Amino acid sequence: MPAQTSIADYLRWLGVESQPTVTQVAEHLTRLASIIQASGRRVITAVAPDKSTILPQYLPKHLILAKCYGKNIAQLWKTLLRN
């Protein structure tokens, strides 16, 4: 696998045509949790904090709390909690 510089590069290397939506990611996590639970094991989910909320001084100014962050994190939690 060649060195990747972004998630998009990695996804292209995997043959994925486009990045999944937040809803798709949440649905895939829910499906994975169901499979694990069906095998008799417990699932614990942890969501790491976004770097812009804990270490903003290490990000370029244009990325600090980018407008997409609030929308995407809200959609992720909504979908995860619904499932």
C-alpha atoms as a PDB file:
ATOM      1  CA  MET A   1       0.000   0.000   0.000  1.00  0.00           C
ATOM      2  CA  PRO A   2       1.501   3.382  -0.972  1.00  0.00           C
ATOM      3  CA  ALA A   3       1.732   6.183   1.574  1.00  0.00           C
ATOM      4  CA  GLN A   4      -1.567   8.050   1.744  1.00  0.00           C
ATOM      5  CA  THR A   5      -1.922  11.738   2.378  1.00  0.00           C
ATOM      6  CA  SER A   6      -5.654  11.791   3.087  1.00  0.00           C
ATOM      7  CA  ILE A   7      -8.660   9.620   3.775  1.00  0.00           C
ATOM      8  CA  ALA A   8      -9.747  10.191   0.171  1.00  0.00           C
ATOM      9  CA  ASP A   9      -6.396   8.785  -1.068  1.00  0.00           C
ATOM     10  CA  TYR A  10      -6.815   5.722   1.135  1.00  0.00           C
ATOM     11  CA  LEU A  11     -10.371   5.145  -0.053  1.00  0.00           C
ATOM     12  CA  ARG A  12      -9.278   5.438  -3.694  1.00  0.00           C
ATOM     13  CA  TRP A  13      -6.511   2.903  -3.002  1.00  0.00           C
ATOM     14  CA  LEU A  14      -9.167   0.559  -1.620  1.00  0.00           C
ATOM     15  CA  GLY A  15     -11.232   1.042  -4.760  1.00  0.00           C
ATOM     16  CA  VAL A  16     -13.983   3.036  -3.057  1.00  0.00           C
ATOM     17  CA  GLU A  17     -15.388   5.579  -5.481  1.00  0.00           C
ATOM     18  CA  SER A  18     -16.576   8.138  -2.963  1.00  0.00           C
ATOM     19  CA  GLN A  19     -16.426   8.779   0.756  1.00  0.00           C
ATOM     20  CA  PRO A  20     -19.355   7.344   2.693  1.00  0.00           C
ATOM     21  CA  THR A  21     -21.849   9.737   4.203  1.00  0.00           C
ATOM     22  CA  VAL A  22     -22.070  10.169   7.953  1.00  0.00           C
ATOM     23  CA  THR A  23     -25.324   8.221   7.890  1.00  0.00           C
ATOM     24  CA  GLN A  24     -23.695   5.346   5.996  1.00  0.00           C
ATOM     25  CA  VAL A  25     -20.829   5.196   8.510  1.00  0.00           C
ATOM     26  CA  ALA A  26     -23.276   5.104  11.422  1.00  0.00           C
ATOM     27  CA  GLU A  27     -25.349   2.396   9.705  1.00  0.00           C
ATOM     28  CA  HIS A  28     -22.229   0.287   9.074  1.00  0.00           C
ATOM     29  CA  LEU A  29     -21.177   0.641  12.717  1.00  0.00           C
ATOM     30  CA  THR A  30     -24.662  -0.409  13.810  1.00  0.00           C
ATOM     31  CA  ARG A  31     -24.558  -3.439  11.517  1.00  0.00           C
ATOM     32  CA  LEU A  32     -21.119  -4.404  12.856  1.00  0.00           C
ATOM     33  CA  ALA A  33     -22.365  -4.066  16.439  1.00  0.00           C
ATOM     34  CA  SER A  34     -25.323  -6.344  15.631  1.00  0.00           C
ATOM     35  CA  ILE A  35     -23.013  -9.017  14.237  1.00  0.00           C
ATOM     36  CA  ILE A  36     -20.780  -8.845  17.310  1.00  0.00           C
ATOM     37  CA  GLN A  37     -23.764  -8.975  19.683  1.00  0.00           C
ATOM     38  CA  ALA A  38     -25.214 -11.942  17.810  1.00  0.00           C
ATOM     39  CA  SER A  39     -22.012 -13.830  18.638  1.00  0.00           C
ATOM     40  CA  GLY A  40     -22.690 -13.302  22.342  1.00  0.00           C
ATOM     41  CA  ARG A  41     -20.213 -10.501  22.913  1.00  0.00           C
ATOM     42  CA  ARG A  42     -20.817  -7.018  24.288  1.00  0.00           C
ATOM     43  CA  VAL A  43     -20.130  -3.950  22.164  1.00  0.00           C
ATOM     44  CA  ILE A  44     -18.751  -0.735  23.588  1.00  0.00           C
ATOM     45  CA  THR A  45     -18.513   2.278  21.306  1.00  0.00           C
ATOM     46  CA  ALA A  46     -16.190   5.202  21.918  1.00  0.00           C
ATOM     47  CA  VAL A  47     -16.083   8.349  19.837  1.00  0.00           C
ATOM     48  CA  ALA A  48     -12.822  10.253  20.066  1.00  0.00           C
ATOM     49  CA  PRO A  49     -13.075  14.017  20.404  1.00  0.00           C
ATOM     50  CA  ASP A  50     -12.481  16.090  17.316  1.00  0.00           C
ATOM     51  CA  LYS A  51      -9.039  17.665  17.329  1.00  0.00           C
ATOM     52  CA  SER A  52     -10.504  21.118  16.746  1.00  0.00           C
ATOM     53  CA  THR A  53     -12.342  20.893  20.068  1.00  0.00           C
ATOM     54  CA  ILE A  54      -9.379  19.806  22.203  1.00  0.00           C
ATOM     55  CA  LEU A  55      -6.189  20.945  20.423  1.00  0.00           C
ATOM     56  CA  PRO A  56      -7.171  23.729  18.030  1.00  0.00           C
ATOM     57  CA  GLN A  57      -3.748  25.384  18.307  1.00  0.00           C
ATOM     58  CA  TYR A  58      -2.288  22.568  16.188  1.00  0.00           C
ATOM     59  CA  LEU A  59      -4.663  23.055  13.262  1.00  0.00           C
ATOM     60  CA  PRO A  60      -4.521  25.542  10.424  1.00  0.00           C
ATOM     61  CA  LYS A  61      -6.820  28.483  11.157  1.00  0.00           C
ATOM     62  CA  HIS A  62      -9.200  27.572   8.317  1.00  0.00           C
ATOM     63  CA  LEU A  63      -9.896  24.145   9.851  1.00  0.00           C
ATOM     64  CA  ILE A  64     -10.664  25.174  13.416  1.00  0.00           C
ATOM     65  CA  LEU A  65     -14.282  24.203  14.046  1.00  0.00           C
ATOM     66  CA  ALA A  66     -15.016  24.005  10.343  1.00  0.00           C
ATOM     67  CA  LYS A  67     -18.668  24.538   9.471  1.00  0.00           C
ATOM     68  CA  CYS A  68     -19.077  20.914   8.393  1.00  0.00           C
ATOM     69  CA  TYR A  69     -17.995  19.658  11.828  1.00  0.00           C
ATOM     70  CA  GLY A  70     -21.154  20.652  13.679  1.00  0.00           C
ATOM     71  CA  LYS A  71     -23.428  19.302  10.981  1.00  0.00           C
ATOM     72  CA  ASN A  72     -21.555  16.014  10.608  1.00  0.00           C
ATOM     73  CA  ILE A  73     -21.139  15.265  14.307  1.00  0.00           C
ATOM     74  CA  ALA A  74     -24.803  16.041  14.973  1.00  0.00           C
ATOM     75  CA  GLN A  75     -25.844  13.694  12.153  1.00  0.00           C
ATOM     76  CA  LEU A  76     -23.497  10.965  13.404  1.00  0.00           C
ATOM     77  CA  TRP A  77     -24.885  11.078  16.957  1.00  0.00           C
ATOM     78  CA  LYS A  78     -28.481  11.268  15.716  1.00  0.00           C
ATOM     79  CA  THR A  79     -28.006   8.181  13.570  1.00  0.00           C
ATOM     80  CA  LEU A  80     -26.047   6.215  16.186  1.00  0.00           C
ATOM     81  CA  LEU A  81     -28.584   6.941  18.912  1.00  0.00           C
ATOM     82  CA  ARG A  82     -31.498   6.073  16.623  1.00  0.00           C
ATOM     83  CA  ASN A  83     -30.003   2.634  15.979  1.00  0.00           C
END
